[in-house]
N, C-alpha and C. Protein backbone atom coordinates (compact mmCIF):
# COMPACT_ATOMS: atom_id res chain seq x y z
N UNK A 1 0.84 -1.17 0.00
CA UNK A 1 0.00 0.00 0.00
C UNK A 1 0.90 1.24 0.00
N UNK A 2 0.65 2.09 -0.94
CA UNK A 2 1.40 3.34 -1.04
C UNK A 2 0.56 4.48 -0.46
N UNK A 3 1.15 5.32 0.36
CA UNK A 3 0.43 6.41 1.01
C UNK A 3 0.73 7.73 0.32
N UNK A 4 -0.31 8.54 0.19
CA UNK A 4 -0.18 9.86 -0.42
C UNK A 4 -0.87 10.87 0.49
N UNK A 5 -0.48 12.13 0.43
CA UNK A 5 -1.12 13.13 1.30
C UNK A 5 -2.56 13.41 0.85
N UNK A 6 -3.38 13.73 1.83
CA UNK A 6 -4.77 14.09 1.59
C UNK A 6 -4.80 15.60 1.31
N UNK A 7 -5.12 15.98 0.09
CA UNK A 7 -5.09 17.39 -0.31
C UNK A 7 -6.49 17.86 -0.70
N UNK A 8 -6.58 19.12 -1.06
CA UNK A 8 -7.84 19.71 -1.49
C UNK A 8 -8.38 19.02 -2.74
N UNK A 9 -7.53 18.54 -3.61
CA UNK A 9 -7.96 17.93 -4.87
C UNK A 9 -8.13 16.41 -4.80
N UNK A 10 -7.87 15.83 -3.64
CA UNK A 10 -7.96 14.37 -3.51
C UNK A 10 -9.42 13.92 -3.54
N UNK A 11 -9.69 12.89 -4.32
CA UNK A 11 -11.01 12.28 -4.37
C UNK A 11 -10.91 10.89 -3.75
N UNK A 12 -11.72 10.67 -2.71
CA UNK A 12 -11.70 9.38 -2.03
C UNK A 12 -12.72 8.47 -2.72
N UNK A 13 -12.27 7.28 -3.10
CA UNK A 13 -13.16 6.39 -3.84
C UNK A 13 -13.43 5.08 -3.12
N UNK A 14 -12.48 4.54 -2.42
CA UNK A 14 -12.63 3.21 -1.83
C UNK A 14 -12.76 3.34 -0.32
N UNK A 15 -14.01 3.38 0.20
CA UNK A 15 -14.24 3.55 1.62
C UNK A 15 -15.55 2.88 2.02
N UNK A 16 -15.72 2.66 3.32
CA UNK A 16 -16.96 2.10 3.85
C UNK A 16 -17.82 3.22 4.41
N UNK A 17 -19.11 3.22 4.11
CA UNK A 17 -20.00 4.26 4.64
C UNK A 17 -20.38 3.96 6.10
N UNK A 18 -20.28 4.97 6.95
CA UNK A 18 -20.71 4.82 8.35
C UNK A 18 -21.62 6.00 8.68
N UNK A 19 -22.91 5.74 8.88
CA UNK A 19 -23.80 6.83 9.28
C UNK A 19 -23.36 7.42 10.63
N UNK A 20 -23.34 8.73 10.72
CA UNK A 20 -22.87 9.39 11.95
C UNK A 20 -23.70 9.03 13.16
N UNK A 21 -24.99 8.82 12.96
CA UNK A 21 -25.86 8.53 14.10
C UNK A 21 -25.53 7.19 14.77
N UNK A 22 -24.81 6.30 14.08
CA UNK A 22 -24.39 5.05 14.69
C UNK A 22 -23.42 5.27 15.84
N UNK A 23 -22.65 6.35 15.76
CA UNK A 23 -21.68 6.64 16.81
C UNK A 23 -22.35 7.02 18.12
N UNK A 24 -23.62 7.40 18.07
CA UNK A 24 -24.36 7.76 19.27
C UNK A 24 -24.98 6.54 19.96
N UNK A 25 -24.93 5.38 19.32
CA UNK A 25 -25.60 4.19 19.85
C UNK A 25 -24.77 3.40 20.85
N UNK A 26 -23.55 3.80 21.09
CA UNK A 26 -22.67 3.12 22.04
C UNK A 26 -22.47 1.65 21.66
N UNK A 27 -22.24 1.40 20.37
CA UNK A 27 -21.95 0.07 19.87
C UNK A 27 -20.44 -0.16 19.85
N UNK A 28 -20.00 -1.41 19.92
CA UNK A 28 -18.57 -1.68 19.76
C UNK A 28 -18.11 -1.24 18.37
N UNK A 29 -16.87 -0.78 18.29
CA UNK A 29 -16.34 -0.29 17.01
C UNK A 29 -16.37 -1.36 15.94
N UNK A 30 -16.12 -2.61 16.31
CA UNK A 30 -16.14 -3.69 15.32
C UNK A 30 -17.56 -3.91 14.79
N UNK A 31 -18.56 -3.75 15.63
CA UNK A 31 -19.95 -3.88 15.18
C UNK A 31 -20.28 -2.79 14.17
N UNK A 32 -19.82 -1.57 14.44
CA UNK A 32 -20.05 -0.46 13.51
C UNK A 32 -19.34 -0.74 12.18
N UNK A 33 -18.14 -1.29 12.25
CA UNK A 33 -17.40 -1.62 11.04
C UNK A 33 -18.10 -2.73 10.24
N UNK A 34 -18.64 -3.72 10.92
CA UNK A 34 -19.39 -4.78 10.24
C UNK A 34 -20.62 -4.19 9.55
N UNK A 35 -21.31 -3.28 10.22
CA UNK A 35 -22.47 -2.63 9.60
C UNK A 35 -22.04 -1.86 8.35
N UNK A 36 -20.91 -1.17 8.42
CA UNK A 36 -20.40 -0.43 7.26
C UNK A 36 -20.06 -1.38 6.11
N UNK A 37 -19.49 -2.52 6.43
CA UNK A 37 -19.15 -3.51 5.40
C UNK A 37 -20.44 -4.04 4.76
N UNK A 38 -21.46 -4.28 5.57
CA UNK A 38 -22.75 -4.75 5.03
C UNK A 38 -23.41 -3.68 4.17
N UNK A 39 -23.30 -2.41 4.59
CA UNK A 39 -23.82 -1.32 3.76
C UNK A 39 -23.11 -1.26 2.41
N UNK A 40 -21.81 -1.43 2.45
CA UNK A 40 -21.03 -1.42 1.21
C UNK A 40 -21.45 -2.56 0.29
N UNK A 41 -21.67 -3.74 0.85
CA UNK A 41 -22.11 -4.88 0.06
C UNK A 41 -23.51 -4.63 -0.51
N UNK A 42 -24.27 -3.74 0.14
CA UNK A 42 -25.60 -3.40 -0.34
C UNK A 42 -25.61 -2.83 -1.74
N UNK A 43 -24.55 -2.13 -2.13
CA UNK A 43 -24.49 -1.60 -3.50
C UNK A 43 -24.44 -2.73 -4.51
N UNK A 44 -23.72 -3.81 -4.17
CA UNK A 44 -23.68 -4.98 -5.05
C UNK A 44 -25.03 -5.70 -5.05
N UNK A 45 -25.66 -5.78 -3.90
CA UNK A 45 -26.97 -6.42 -3.81
C UNK A 45 -28.00 -5.67 -4.64
N UNK A 46 -27.91 -4.35 -4.64
CA UNK A 46 -28.84 -3.55 -5.45
C UNK A 46 -28.64 -3.85 -6.92
N UNK A 47 -27.38 -3.93 -7.38
CA UNK A 47 -27.10 -4.24 -8.79
C UNK A 47 -27.62 -5.62 -9.16
N UNK A 48 -27.49 -6.59 -8.23
CA UNK A 48 -27.89 -7.97 -8.52
C UNK A 48 -29.37 -8.25 -8.24
N UNK A 49 -30.10 -7.24 -7.74
CA UNK A 49 -31.53 -7.40 -7.51
C UNK A 49 -31.87 -8.26 -6.31
N UNK A 50 -31.04 -8.24 -5.28
CA UNK A 50 -31.32 -9.02 -4.07
C UNK A 50 -32.35 -8.28 -3.23
N UNK A 51 -33.64 -8.53 -3.50
CA UNK A 51 -34.73 -7.87 -2.79
C UNK A 51 -35.82 -8.88 -2.51
N UNK A 52 -36.57 -8.62 -1.43
CA UNK A 52 -37.71 -9.47 -1.12
C UNK A 52 -38.93 -8.99 -1.89
N UNK A 53 -40.07 -9.57 -1.60
CA UNK A 53 -41.31 -9.24 -2.31
C UNK A 53 -41.76 -7.80 -2.10
N UNK A 54 -41.28 -7.17 -1.01
CA UNK A 54 -41.69 -5.80 -0.69
C UNK A 54 -40.69 -4.75 -1.19
N UNK A 55 -39.62 -5.18 -1.84
CA UNK A 55 -38.61 -4.25 -2.33
C UNK A 55 -37.52 -3.95 -1.33
N UNK A 56 -37.48 -4.69 -0.23
CA UNK A 56 -36.44 -4.50 0.77
C UNK A 56 -35.16 -5.19 0.32
N UNK A 57 -34.10 -4.46 0.27
CA UNK A 57 -32.81 -4.97 -0.17
C UNK A 57 -32.18 -5.81 0.93
N UNK A 58 -31.57 -6.92 0.56
CA UNK A 58 -30.84 -7.71 1.54
C UNK A 58 -29.43 -7.99 1.05
N UNK A 59 -28.56 -8.27 2.00
CA UNK A 59 -27.16 -8.51 1.74
C UNK A 59 -26.85 -9.95 2.12
N UNK A 60 -26.08 -10.64 1.30
CA UNK A 60 -25.65 -11.99 1.60
C UNK A 60 -24.16 -11.94 1.91
N UNK A 61 -23.82 -12.34 3.12
CA UNK A 61 -22.43 -12.33 3.56
C UNK A 61 -22.29 -13.44 4.60
N UNK A 62 -21.30 -14.29 4.46
CA UNK A 62 -21.11 -15.34 5.46
C UNK A 62 -20.28 -14.79 6.62
N UNK A 63 -20.45 -15.41 7.76
CA UNK A 63 -19.66 -15.00 8.92
C UNK A 63 -18.19 -15.27 8.69
N UNK A 64 -17.90 -16.32 7.94
CA UNK A 64 -16.51 -16.65 7.65
C UNK A 64 -15.85 -15.56 6.81
N UNK A 65 -16.60 -15.04 5.82
CA UNK A 65 -16.06 -13.94 5.00
C UNK A 65 -15.80 -12.71 5.84
N UNK A 66 -16.73 -12.38 6.72
CA UNK A 66 -16.55 -11.22 7.59
C UNK A 66 -15.38 -11.44 8.55
N UNK A 67 -15.26 -12.64 9.08
CA UNK A 67 -14.16 -12.94 10.00
C UNK A 67 -12.81 -12.82 9.29
N UNK A 68 -12.73 -13.32 8.06
CA UNK A 68 -11.48 -13.20 7.29
C UNK A 68 -11.15 -11.75 7.00
N UNK A 69 -12.15 -10.98 6.62
CA UNK A 69 -11.94 -9.57 6.27
C UNK A 69 -11.44 -8.77 7.47
N UNK A 70 -11.94 -9.09 8.67
CA UNK A 70 -11.60 -8.33 9.87
C UNK A 70 -10.53 -9.00 10.74
N UNK A 71 -10.10 -10.19 10.35
CA UNK A 71 -9.10 -10.96 11.12
C UNK A 71 -9.56 -11.20 12.56
N UNK A 72 -10.81 -11.62 12.70
CA UNK A 72 -11.34 -12.01 13.99
C UNK A 72 -12.04 -13.35 13.83
N UNK A 73 -12.45 -13.95 14.94
CA UNK A 73 -13.10 -15.26 14.87
C UNK A 73 -14.56 -15.12 14.43
N UNK A 74 -15.10 -16.22 13.93
CA UNK A 74 -16.50 -16.22 13.52
C UNK A 74 -17.41 -16.04 14.74
N UNK A 75 -16.97 -16.51 15.90
CA UNK A 75 -17.75 -16.30 17.12
C UNK A 75 -17.86 -14.81 17.45
N UNK A 76 -16.76 -14.07 17.29
CA UNK A 76 -16.79 -12.63 17.53
C UNK A 76 -17.69 -11.93 16.52
N UNK A 77 -17.64 -12.37 15.27
CA UNK A 77 -18.53 -11.81 14.24
C UNK A 77 -19.98 -12.03 14.67
N UNK A 78 -20.29 -13.24 15.13
CA UNK A 78 -21.64 -13.53 15.58
C UNK A 78 -22.08 -12.64 16.73
N UNK A 79 -21.17 -12.40 17.67
CA UNK A 79 -21.49 -11.51 18.80
C UNK A 79 -21.81 -10.10 18.32
N UNK A 80 -21.03 -9.60 17.38
CA UNK A 80 -21.24 -8.24 16.87
C UNK A 80 -22.50 -8.16 16.00
N UNK A 81 -22.80 -9.23 15.27
CA UNK A 81 -24.03 -9.27 14.46
C UNK A 81 -25.25 -9.22 15.40
N UNK A 82 -25.19 -9.98 16.49
CA UNK A 82 -26.29 -9.95 17.46
C UNK A 82 -26.43 -8.56 18.08
N UNK A 83 -25.31 -7.90 18.28
CA UNK A 83 -25.33 -6.53 18.80
C UNK A 83 -26.07 -5.60 17.83
N UNK A 84 -25.79 -5.74 16.55
CA UNK A 84 -26.45 -4.92 15.53
C UNK A 84 -27.94 -5.25 15.44
N UNK A 85 -28.26 -6.54 15.57
CA UNK A 85 -29.66 -6.95 15.53
C UNK A 85 -30.41 -6.40 16.74
N UNK A 86 -29.80 -6.46 17.90
CA UNK A 86 -30.43 -5.94 19.12
C UNK A 86 -30.65 -4.43 19.04
N UNK A 87 -29.71 -3.74 18.37
CA UNK A 87 -29.84 -2.28 18.20
C UNK A 87 -30.87 -1.92 17.14
N UNK A 88 -31.38 -2.92 16.41
CA UNK A 88 -32.40 -2.66 15.40
C UNK A 88 -31.85 -2.22 14.05
N UNK A 89 -30.55 -2.42 13.83
CA UNK A 89 -29.93 -1.97 12.58
C UNK A 89 -29.97 -3.02 11.48
N UNK A 90 -30.12 -4.28 11.85
CA UNK A 90 -30.23 -5.34 10.84
C UNK A 90 -31.32 -6.31 11.28
N UNK A 91 -31.87 -6.97 10.30
CA UNK A 91 -32.84 -8.05 10.50
C UNK A 91 -32.29 -9.23 9.75
N UNK A 92 -32.18 -10.37 10.41
CA UNK A 92 -31.55 -11.55 9.81
C UNK A 92 -32.61 -12.57 9.44
N UNK A 93 -32.52 -13.06 8.21
CA UNK A 93 -33.35 -14.17 7.75
C UNK A 93 -32.39 -15.32 7.46
N UNK A 94 -32.67 -16.45 8.05
CA UNK A 94 -31.83 -17.63 7.86
C UNK A 94 -32.54 -18.56 6.88
N UNK A 95 -32.13 -18.58 5.60
CA UNK A 95 -32.84 -19.37 4.59
C UNK A 95 -32.82 -20.87 4.86
N UNK A 96 -31.66 -21.43 5.12
CA UNK A 96 -31.52 -22.85 5.45
C UNK A 96 -30.15 -23.06 6.08
N UNK A 97 -29.93 -24.24 6.51
CA UNK A 97 -28.70 -24.54 7.26
C UNK A 97 -27.43 -24.34 6.44
N UNK A 98 -27.44 -24.64 5.19
CA UNK A 98 -26.24 -24.58 4.35
C UNK A 98 -26.06 -23.26 3.61
N UNK A 99 -27.04 -22.35 3.70
CA UNK A 99 -26.96 -21.09 2.98
C UNK A 99 -26.56 -19.95 3.91
N UNK A 100 -25.92 -18.95 3.33
CA UNK A 100 -25.53 -17.77 4.10
C UNK A 100 -26.78 -16.99 4.52
N UNK A 101 -26.68 -16.32 5.66
CA UNK A 101 -27.79 -15.49 6.15
C UNK A 101 -28.06 -14.34 5.20
N UNK A 102 -29.30 -13.89 5.21
CA UNK A 102 -29.68 -12.68 4.49
C UNK A 102 -29.84 -11.57 5.52
N UNK A 103 -29.09 -10.51 5.34
CA UNK A 103 -29.13 -9.38 6.27
C UNK A 103 -29.91 -8.25 5.63
N UNK A 104 -31.06 -7.92 6.22
CA UNK A 104 -31.84 -6.77 5.79
C UNK A 104 -31.34 -5.59 6.62
N UNK A 105 -30.89 -4.55 5.95
CA UNK A 105 -30.33 -3.39 6.64
C UNK A 105 -31.40 -2.36 6.90
N UNK A 106 -31.42 -1.86 8.11
CA UNK A 106 -32.32 -0.78 8.49
C UNK A 106 -31.47 0.46 8.68
N UNK A 107 -31.80 1.52 7.95
CA UNK A 107 -30.97 2.72 7.92
C UNK A 107 -31.53 3.81 8.81
N UNK A 108 -30.67 4.51 9.52
CA UNK A 108 -31.13 5.70 10.24
C UNK A 108 -31.62 6.73 9.23
N UNK A 109 -32.76 7.38 9.51
CA UNK A 109 -33.33 8.30 8.52
C UNK A 109 -32.46 9.53 8.27
N UNK A 110 -31.55 9.85 9.19
CA UNK A 110 -30.70 11.02 8.97
C UNK A 110 -29.53 10.75 8.02
N UNK A 111 -29.40 9.52 7.52
CA UNK A 111 -28.30 9.24 6.59
C UNK A 111 -28.79 9.08 5.15
N UNK A 112 -30.08 9.34 4.90
CA UNK A 112 -30.64 9.19 3.56
C UNK A 112 -31.00 10.55 2.99
N UNK A 113 -30.91 10.65 1.67
CA UNK A 113 -31.27 11.89 0.99
C UNK A 113 -32.29 11.60 -0.08
N UNK A 114 -33.00 12.62 -0.53
CA UNK A 114 -33.94 12.48 -1.65
C UNK A 114 -35.24 11.84 -1.22
N UNK A 115 -36.06 11.52 -2.21
CA UNK A 115 -37.36 10.91 -1.95
C UNK A 115 -37.27 9.41 -2.14
N UNK A 116 -38.24 8.73 -1.60
CA UNK A 116 -38.28 7.28 -1.76
C UNK A 116 -37.14 6.59 -1.03
N UNK A 117 -36.73 7.14 0.10
CA UNK A 117 -35.58 6.56 0.80
C UNK A 117 -35.98 5.60 1.89
N UNK A 118 -37.27 5.32 2.02
CA UNK A 118 -37.71 4.37 3.04
C UNK A 118 -37.19 2.99 2.73
N UNK A 119 -37.29 2.12 3.71
CA UNK A 119 -36.79 0.77 3.52
C UNK A 119 -37.85 -0.16 2.97
N UNK A 120 -38.98 0.37 2.53
CA UNK A 120 -40.01 -0.47 1.93
C UNK A 120 -41.20 -0.61 2.85
N UNK A 121 -42.27 -1.16 2.32
CA UNK A 121 -43.50 -1.28 3.10
C UNK A 121 -43.44 -2.38 4.12
N UNK A 122 -42.56 -3.33 3.95
CA UNK A 122 -42.55 -4.48 4.84
C UNK A 122 -41.63 -4.35 6.02
N UNK A 123 -40.89 -3.28 6.16
CA UNK A 123 -39.95 -3.20 7.28
C UNK A 123 -40.10 -1.91 8.03
N UNK A 124 -40.40 -2.05 9.29
CA UNK A 124 -40.42 -0.89 10.16
C UNK A 124 -40.12 -1.37 11.56
N UNK A 125 -39.65 -0.48 12.38
CA UNK A 125 -39.35 -0.83 13.76
C UNK A 125 -40.24 0.02 14.65
N UNK A 126 -41.32 -0.56 15.16
CA UNK A 126 -42.22 0.19 16.02
C UNK A 126 -41.53 0.58 17.33
N UNK A 127 -42.15 1.46 18.07
CA UNK A 127 -41.55 1.96 19.30
C UNK A 127 -41.41 0.88 20.36
N UNK A 128 -42.17 -0.23 20.27
CA UNK A 128 -42.04 -1.28 21.27
C UNK A 128 -40.84 -2.18 20.99
N UNK A 129 -40.09 -1.94 19.91
CA UNK A 129 -38.88 -2.69 19.62
C UNK A 129 -39.11 -3.98 18.87
N UNK A 130 -40.37 -4.32 18.54
CA UNK A 130 -40.64 -5.55 17.79
C UNK A 130 -40.57 -5.24 16.31
N UNK A 131 -40.03 -6.16 15.56
CA UNK A 131 -39.93 -5.96 14.12
C UNK A 131 -41.24 -6.38 13.46
N UNK A 132 -41.58 -5.70 12.40
CA UNK A 132 -42.70 -6.13 11.57
C UNK A 132 -42.11 -7.07 10.53
N UNK A 133 -42.71 -8.24 10.39
CA UNK A 133 -42.17 -9.26 9.50
C UNK A 133 -42.07 -8.78 8.07
N UNK A 134 -41.02 -9.19 7.38
CA UNK A 134 -40.80 -8.75 6.02
C UNK A 134 -41.75 -9.42 5.04
N UNK A 135 -42.09 -10.66 5.28
CA UNK A 135 -42.94 -11.37 4.33
C UNK A 135 -44.41 -11.35 4.72
N UNK A 136 -44.69 -11.46 6.00
CA UNK A 136 -46.07 -11.65 6.42
C UNK A 136 -46.70 -10.40 7.00
N UNK A 137 -45.88 -9.46 7.49
CA UNK A 137 -46.42 -8.29 8.15
C UNK A 137 -46.76 -8.56 9.60
N UNK A 138 -46.49 -9.79 10.08
CA UNK A 138 -46.79 -10.13 11.47
C UNK A 138 -45.60 -9.79 12.36
N UNK A 139 -45.88 -9.66 13.65
CA UNK A 139 -44.80 -9.37 14.58
C UNK A 139 -43.84 -10.56 14.67
N UNK A 140 -42.57 -10.28 14.67
CA UNK A 140 -41.54 -11.31 14.81
C UNK A 140 -40.79 -10.99 16.09
N UNK A 141 -40.91 -11.86 17.07
CA UNK A 141 -40.28 -11.60 18.36
C UNK A 141 -38.87 -12.13 18.36
N UNK A 142 -38.00 -11.43 19.05
CA UNK A 142 -36.63 -11.89 19.18
C UNK A 142 -36.61 -13.18 20.00
N UNK A 143 -35.56 -13.93 19.87
CA UNK A 143 -35.44 -15.21 20.54
C UNK A 143 -35.45 -15.03 22.05
N UNK A 144 -36.17 -15.91 22.73
CA UNK A 144 -36.17 -15.90 24.19
C UNK A 144 -35.56 -17.19 24.72
N UNK A 145 -34.62 -17.77 23.96
CA UNK A 145 -33.99 -19.03 24.33
C UNK A 145 -33.32 -18.96 25.70
N UNK A 146 -32.65 -17.85 25.99
CA UNK A 146 -31.96 -17.69 27.28
C UNK A 146 -32.96 -17.75 28.42
N UNK A 147 -34.11 -17.08 28.27
CA UNK A 147 -35.15 -17.11 29.30
C UNK A 147 -35.68 -18.52 29.49
N UNK A 148 -35.87 -19.25 28.39
CA UNK A 148 -36.37 -20.62 28.48
C UNK A 148 -35.36 -21.52 29.18
N UNK A 149 -34.06 -21.32 28.91
CA UNK A 149 -33.03 -22.11 29.57
C UNK A 149 -33.03 -21.82 31.06
N UNK A 150 -33.18 -20.56 31.44
CA UNK A 150 -33.20 -20.20 32.86
C UNK A 150 -34.37 -20.87 33.57
N UNK A 151 -35.54 -20.89 32.91
CA UNK A 151 -36.72 -21.52 33.50
C UNK A 151 -36.52 -23.02 33.63
N UNK A 152 -35.99 -23.66 32.59
CA UNK A 152 -35.80 -25.11 32.63
C UNK A 152 -34.73 -25.52 33.64
N UNK A 153 -33.80 -24.65 33.96
CA UNK A 153 -32.77 -24.98 34.94
C UNK A 153 -33.28 -24.92 36.37
N UNK A 154 -34.49 -24.39 36.58
CA UNK A 154 -35.06 -24.31 37.91
C UNK A 154 -35.59 -25.65 38.40
N UNK A 155 -35.79 -26.57 37.47
CA UNK A 155 -36.34 -27.88 37.84
C UNK A 155 -35.35 -28.65 38.68
N UNK A 156 -35.80 -29.11 39.82
CA UNK A 156 -34.97 -29.93 40.71
C UNK A 156 -35.45 -31.38 40.60
N UNK A 157 -34.55 -32.29 40.30
CA UNK A 157 -34.96 -33.68 40.15
C UNK A 157 -34.95 -34.39 41.51
N UNK A 158 -35.80 -35.40 41.60
CA UNK A 158 -35.92 -36.21 42.82
C UNK A 158 -34.75 -37.19 42.88
N UNK A 159 -34.43 -37.65 44.06
CA UNK A 159 -33.37 -38.64 44.22
C UNK A 159 -33.77 -39.94 43.52
N UNK A 160 -32.87 -40.49 42.74
CA UNK A 160 -33.14 -41.70 42.00
C UNK A 160 -33.80 -41.47 40.65
N UNK A 161 -34.19 -40.24 40.36
CA UNK A 161 -34.83 -39.92 39.08
C UNK A 161 -33.75 -39.73 38.03
N UNK A 162 -33.94 -40.30 36.86
CA UNK A 162 -32.95 -40.12 35.80
C UNK A 162 -33.28 -38.91 34.97
N UNK A 163 -32.25 -38.34 34.38
CA UNK A 163 -32.47 -37.15 33.57
C UNK A 163 -32.70 -37.48 32.15
């Protein structure tokens, strides 16, 4: 990589977009970088027509690709992806076990310009934090697996009872 000074006439061409409002969300820097990488991949998805029935654009990226790009483990990528999902910035659709996840990106409204910048009729984040389903329009609740595990761990077995 050759370095050159940044001057008045310099045009920057190869960069990742990061909406400024993301910096106010107190997310880990790596999570913000992953979101920027997904936004960048969105330009390719737009060219290839990766959209659902409602016109919502999605990005296909494997955790392994993201881990290689950032030189971190796939487990760390998963942690940061969950962070982005919890913040309401992405919605994940898992097509099947062998296929890469589809990431639907939700954009802060202060980073869009012009008309028709909404994310489509099928995606909105109501004030209660529940997502409106992309295909059905029904509420899609986040996983409560941890709560279920906590409840199931409360069971005390009797002496001599097998598990």
